[in-house]
């Protein structure tokens, strides 16, 4: 549970302070690097945290004044529903964070193995 909530809270705060999307890459990369147990915890936890954050924010913005833009973007993309668009937004965040978390975990394994051989 902490593997999901920690990236969610950290990325939420950083996106409020510094409005940029690439926090979903840096934070899971660092958290994946710090994870010692398994690649599944490193990647899936950060991925689910980012999915919940981006899906929740997409739904929040859709329901609080973003109906017009969500309807237009949904129509252009051919998905037909704002909920499907919010799910797609969350899925993109999930996949990016999943890969970043796994990359951080793999980087730790490579660096630790490299230092143990020397």
C-alpha atoms as a PDB file:
ATOM      1  CA  UNK A   1       0.000   0.000   0.000  1.00  0.00           C
ATOM      2  CA  UNK A   2       2.869   2.355   0.779  1.00  0.00           C
ATOM      3  CA  UNK A   3       4.307   1.620  -2.682  1.00  0.00           C
ATOM      4  CA  UNK A   4       1.139   3.088  -4.183  1.00  0.00           C
ATOM      5  CA  UNK A   5       0.514   6.003  -1.808  1.00  0.00           C
ATOM      6  CA  UNK A   6       4.077   7.303  -1.635  1.00  0.00           C
ATOM      7  CA  UNK A   7       4.451   8.075  -5.361  1.00  0.00           C
ATOM      8  CA  UNK A   8       0.879   9.382  -5.486  1.00  0.00           C
ATOM      9  CA  UNK A   9       1.485  11.916  -2.717  1.00  0.00           C
ATOM     10  CA  UNK A  10       4.979  12.932  -3.845  1.00  0.00           C
ATOM     11  CA  UNK A  11       3.983  13.434  -7.477  1.00  0.00           C
ATOM     12  CA  UNK A  12       0.802  15.272  -6.487  1.00  0.00           C
ATOM     13  CA  UNK A  13       2.766  17.757  -4.377  1.00  0.00           C
ATOM     14  CA  UNK A  14       5.470  18.213  -7.024  1.00  0.00           C
ATOM     15  CA  UNK A  15       2.883  18.751  -9.776  1.00  0.00           C
ATOM     16  CA  UNK A  16       1.194  21.396  -7.652  1.00  0.00           C
ATOM     17  CA  UNK A  17       4.482  23.184  -6.998  1.00  0.00           C
ATOM     18  CA  UNK A  18       6.120  22.737 -10.412  1.00  0.00           C
ATOM     19  CA  UNK A  19       3.484  22.125 -13.064  1.00  0.00           C
ATOM     20  CA  UNK A  20       5.121  19.536 -15.293  1.00  0.00           C
ATOM     21  CA  UNK A  21       4.249  16.023 -16.421  1.00  0.00           C
ATOM     22  CA  UNK A  22       7.728  14.523 -16.192  1.00  0.00           C
ATOM     23  CA  UNK A  23       7.501  14.024 -12.444  1.00  0.00           C
ATOM     24  CA  UNK A  24       5.816  10.728 -13.330  1.00  0.00           C
ATOM     25  CA  UNK A  25       9.187   9.605 -14.705  1.00  0.00           C
ATOM     26  CA  UNK A  26      11.625  10.989 -12.136  1.00  0.00           C
ATOM     27  CA  UNK A  27       9.812   9.988  -8.950  1.00  0.00           C
ATOM     28  CA  UNK A  28       9.184   6.335  -9.979  1.00  0.00           C
ATOM     29  CA  UNK A  29      12.776   6.107 -11.219  1.00  0.00           C
ATOM     30  CA  UNK A  30      14.086   7.185  -7.812  1.00  0.00           C
ATOM     31  CA  UNK A  31      11.586   5.056  -5.880  1.00  0.00           C
ATOM     32  CA  UNK A  32      12.368   2.065  -8.096  1.00  0.00           C
ATOM     33  CA  UNK A  33      16.059   2.602  -7.422  1.00  0.00           C
ATOM     34  CA  UNK A  34      15.417   2.647  -3.670  1.00  0.00           C
ATOM     35  CA  UNK A  35      13.268  -0.525  -3.753  1.00  0.00           C
ATOM     36  CA  UNK A  36      15.290  -3.558  -2.632  1.00  0.00           C
ATOM     37  CA  UNK A  37      12.710  -6.350  -2.617  1.00  0.00           C
ATOM     38  CA  UNK A  38      11.248  -6.955  -6.065  1.00  0.00           C
ATOM     39  CA  UNK A  39      10.765  -5.450  -9.485  1.00  0.00           C
ATOM     40  CA  UNK A  40       7.015  -5.948  -9.131  1.00  0.00           C
ATOM     41  CA  UNK A  41       6.882  -3.690  -6.072  1.00  0.00           C
ATOM     42  CA  UNK A  42       9.101  -1.121  -7.752  1.00  0.00           C
ATOM     43  CA  UNK A  43       7.187  -0.927 -11.005  1.00  0.00           C
ATOM     44  CA  UNK A  44       3.569  -1.858 -10.260  1.00  0.00           C
ATOM     45  CA  UNK A  45       3.345   0.204  -7.092  1.00  0.00           C
ATOM     46  CA  UNK A  46       4.535   3.380  -8.744  1.00  0.00           C
ATOM     47  CA  UNK A  47       2.444   2.642 -11.823  1.00  0.00           C
ATOM     48  CA  UNK A  48      -0.747   2.213  -9.806  1.00  0.00           C
ATOM     49  CA  UNK A  49      -0.007   5.339  -7.803  1.00  0.00           C
ATOM     50  CA  UNK A  50       0.378   7.417 -10.941  1.00  0.00           C
ATOM     51  CA  UNK A  51      -2.707   5.801 -12.516  1.00  0.00           C
ATOM     52  CA  UNK A  52      -4.829   6.737  -9.507  1.00  0.00           C
ATOM     53  CA  UNK A  53      -3.418  10.252  -9.462  1.00  0.00           C
ATOM     54  CA  UNK A  54      -3.868  11.009 -13.162  1.00  0.00           C
ATOM     55  CA  UNK A  55      -7.244   9.271 -13.439  1.00  0.00           C
ATOM     56  CA  UNK A  56      -8.489  11.075 -10.342  1.00  0.00           C
ATOM     57  CA  UNK A  57      -7.234  14.443 -11.548  1.00  0.00           C
ATOM     58  CA  UNK A  58      -8.741  13.897 -15.005  1.00  0.00           C
ATOM     59  CA  UNK A  59     -12.136  13.071 -13.513  1.00  0.00           C
ATOM     60  CA  UNK A  60     -11.883  15.984 -11.078  1.00  0.00           C
ATOM     61  CA  UNK A  61     -11.077  18.477 -13.826  1.00  0.00           C
ATOM     62  CA  UNK A  62     -13.759  16.980 -16.078  1.00  0.00           C
ATOM     63  CA  UNK A  63     -16.456  17.349 -13.417  1.00  0.00           C
ATOM     64  CA  UNK A  64     -15.345  20.798 -12.209  1.00  0.00           C
ATOM     65  CA  UNK A  65     -15.524  22.998 -15.263  1.00  0.00           C
ATOM     66  CA  UNK A  66     -13.827  20.954 -17.958  1.00  0.00           C
ATOM     67  CA  UNK A  67     -16.910  19.415 -19.535  1.00  0.00           C
ATOM     68  CA  UNK A  68     -16.594  21.323 -22.807  1.00  0.00           C
ATOM     69  CA  UNK A  69     -12.938  20.538 -23.486  1.00  0.00           C
ATOM     70  CA  UNK A  70     -13.315  16.902 -22.411  1.00  0.00           C
ATOM     71  CA  UNK A  71     -16.312  16.481 -24.723  1.00  0.00           C
ATOM     72  CA  UNK A  72     -14.410  18.017 -27.637  1.00  0.00           C
ATOM     73  CA  UNK A  73     -11.238  15.991 -27.091  1.00  0.00           C
ATOM     74  CA  UNK A  74     -13.293  12.809 -26.670  1.00  0.00           C
ATOM     75  CA  UNK A  75     -15.067  13.558 -29.928  1.00  0.00           C
ATOM     76  CA  UNK A  76     -11.807  14.241 -31.788  1.00  0.00           C
ATOM     77  CA  UNK A  77     -10.215  11.043 -30.462  1.00  0.00           C
ATOM     78  CA  UNK A  78     -13.356   9.057 -31.197  1.00  0.00           C
ATOM     79  CA  UNK A  79     -13.772   7.602 -27.720  1.00  0.00           C
ATOM     80  CA  UNK A  80     -17.177   9.177 -27.144  1.00  0.00           C
ATOM     81  CA  UNK A  81     -16.999   9.485 -23.362  1.00  0.00           C
ATOM     82  CA  UNK A  82     -15.115  11.588 -20.877  1.00  0.00           C
ATOM     83  CA  UNK A  83     -14.696   8.589 -18.611  1.00  0.00           C
ATOM     84  CA  UNK A  84     -12.907   6.630 -21.347  1.00  0.00           C
ATOM     85  CA  UNK A  85     -10.676   9.655 -21.939  1.00  0.00           C
ATOM     86  CA  UNK A  86      -9.880   9.814 -18.205  1.00  0.00           C
ATOM     87  CA  UNK A  87      -9.069   6.084 -18.216  1.00  0.00           C
ATOM     88  CA  UNK A  88      -6.783   6.583 -21.220  1.00  0.00           C
ATOM     89  CA  UNK A  89      -5.032   9.429 -19.403  1.00  0.00           C
ATOM     90  CA  UNK A  90      -4.520   7.254 -16.338  1.00  0.00           C
ATOM     91  CA  UNK A  91      -3.324   4.343 -18.472  1.00  0.00           C
ATOM     92  CA  UNK A  92      -0.672   6.494 -20.160  1.00  0.00           C
ATOM     93  CA  UNK A  93       0.588   7.624 -16.752  1.00  0.00           C
ATOM     94  CA  UNK A  94       0.528   4.022 -15.508  1.00  0.00           C
ATOM     95  CA  UNK A  95       2.639   2.750 -18.404  1.00  0.00           C
ATOM     96  CA  UNK A  96       5.205   5.548 -18.144  1.00  0.00           C
ATOM     97  CA  UNK A  97       5.575   5.125 -14.376  1.00  0.00           C
ATOM     98  CA  UNK A  98       5.694   1.336 -14.710  1.00  0.00           C
ATOM     99  CA  UNK A  99       8.635   1.522 -17.099  1.00  0.00           C
ATOM    100  CA  UNK A 100      10.381   4.195 -15.007  1.00  0.00           C
ATOM    101  CA  UNK A 101      10.003   2.168 -11.793  1.00  0.00           C
ATOM    102  CA  UNK A 102      11.367  -0.945 -13.457  1.00  0.00           C
ATOM    103  CA  UNK A 103      14.251   1.050 -14.943  1.00  0.00           C
ATOM    104  CA  UNK A 104      15.144   2.391 -11.490  1.00  0.00           C
ATOM    105  CA  UNK A 105      15.047  -1.100  -9.981  1.00  0.00           C
ATOM    106  CA  UNK A 106      17.185  -2.496 -12.821  1.00  0.00           C
ATOM    107  CA  UNK A 107      19.650   0.374 -12.505  1.00  0.00           C
ATOM    108  CA  UNK A 108      20.107  -0.444  -8.817  1.00  0.00           C
ATOM    109  CA  UNK A 109      20.758  -4.104  -9.624  1.00  0.00           C
ATOM    110  CA  UNK A 110      23.322  -3.189 -12.276  1.00  0.00           C
ATOM    111  CA  UNK A 111      25.158  -0.696 -10.054  1.00  0.00           C
ATOM    112  CA  UNK A 112      25.171  -2.966  -6.992  1.00  0.00           C
ATOM    113  CA  UNK A 113      26.398  -5.926  -9.025  1.00  0.00           C
ATOM    114  CA  UNK A 114      29.064  -3.744 -10.616  1.00  0.00           C
ATOM    115  CA  UNK A 115      30.347  -2.575  -7.225  1.00  0.00           C
ATOM    116  CA  UNK A 116      30.286  -6.065  -5.726  1.00  0.00           C
ATOM    117  CA  UNK A 117      32.532  -7.452  -8.493  1.00  0.00           C
ATOM    118  CA  UNK A 118      35.165  -4.747  -8.056  1.00  0.00           C
END
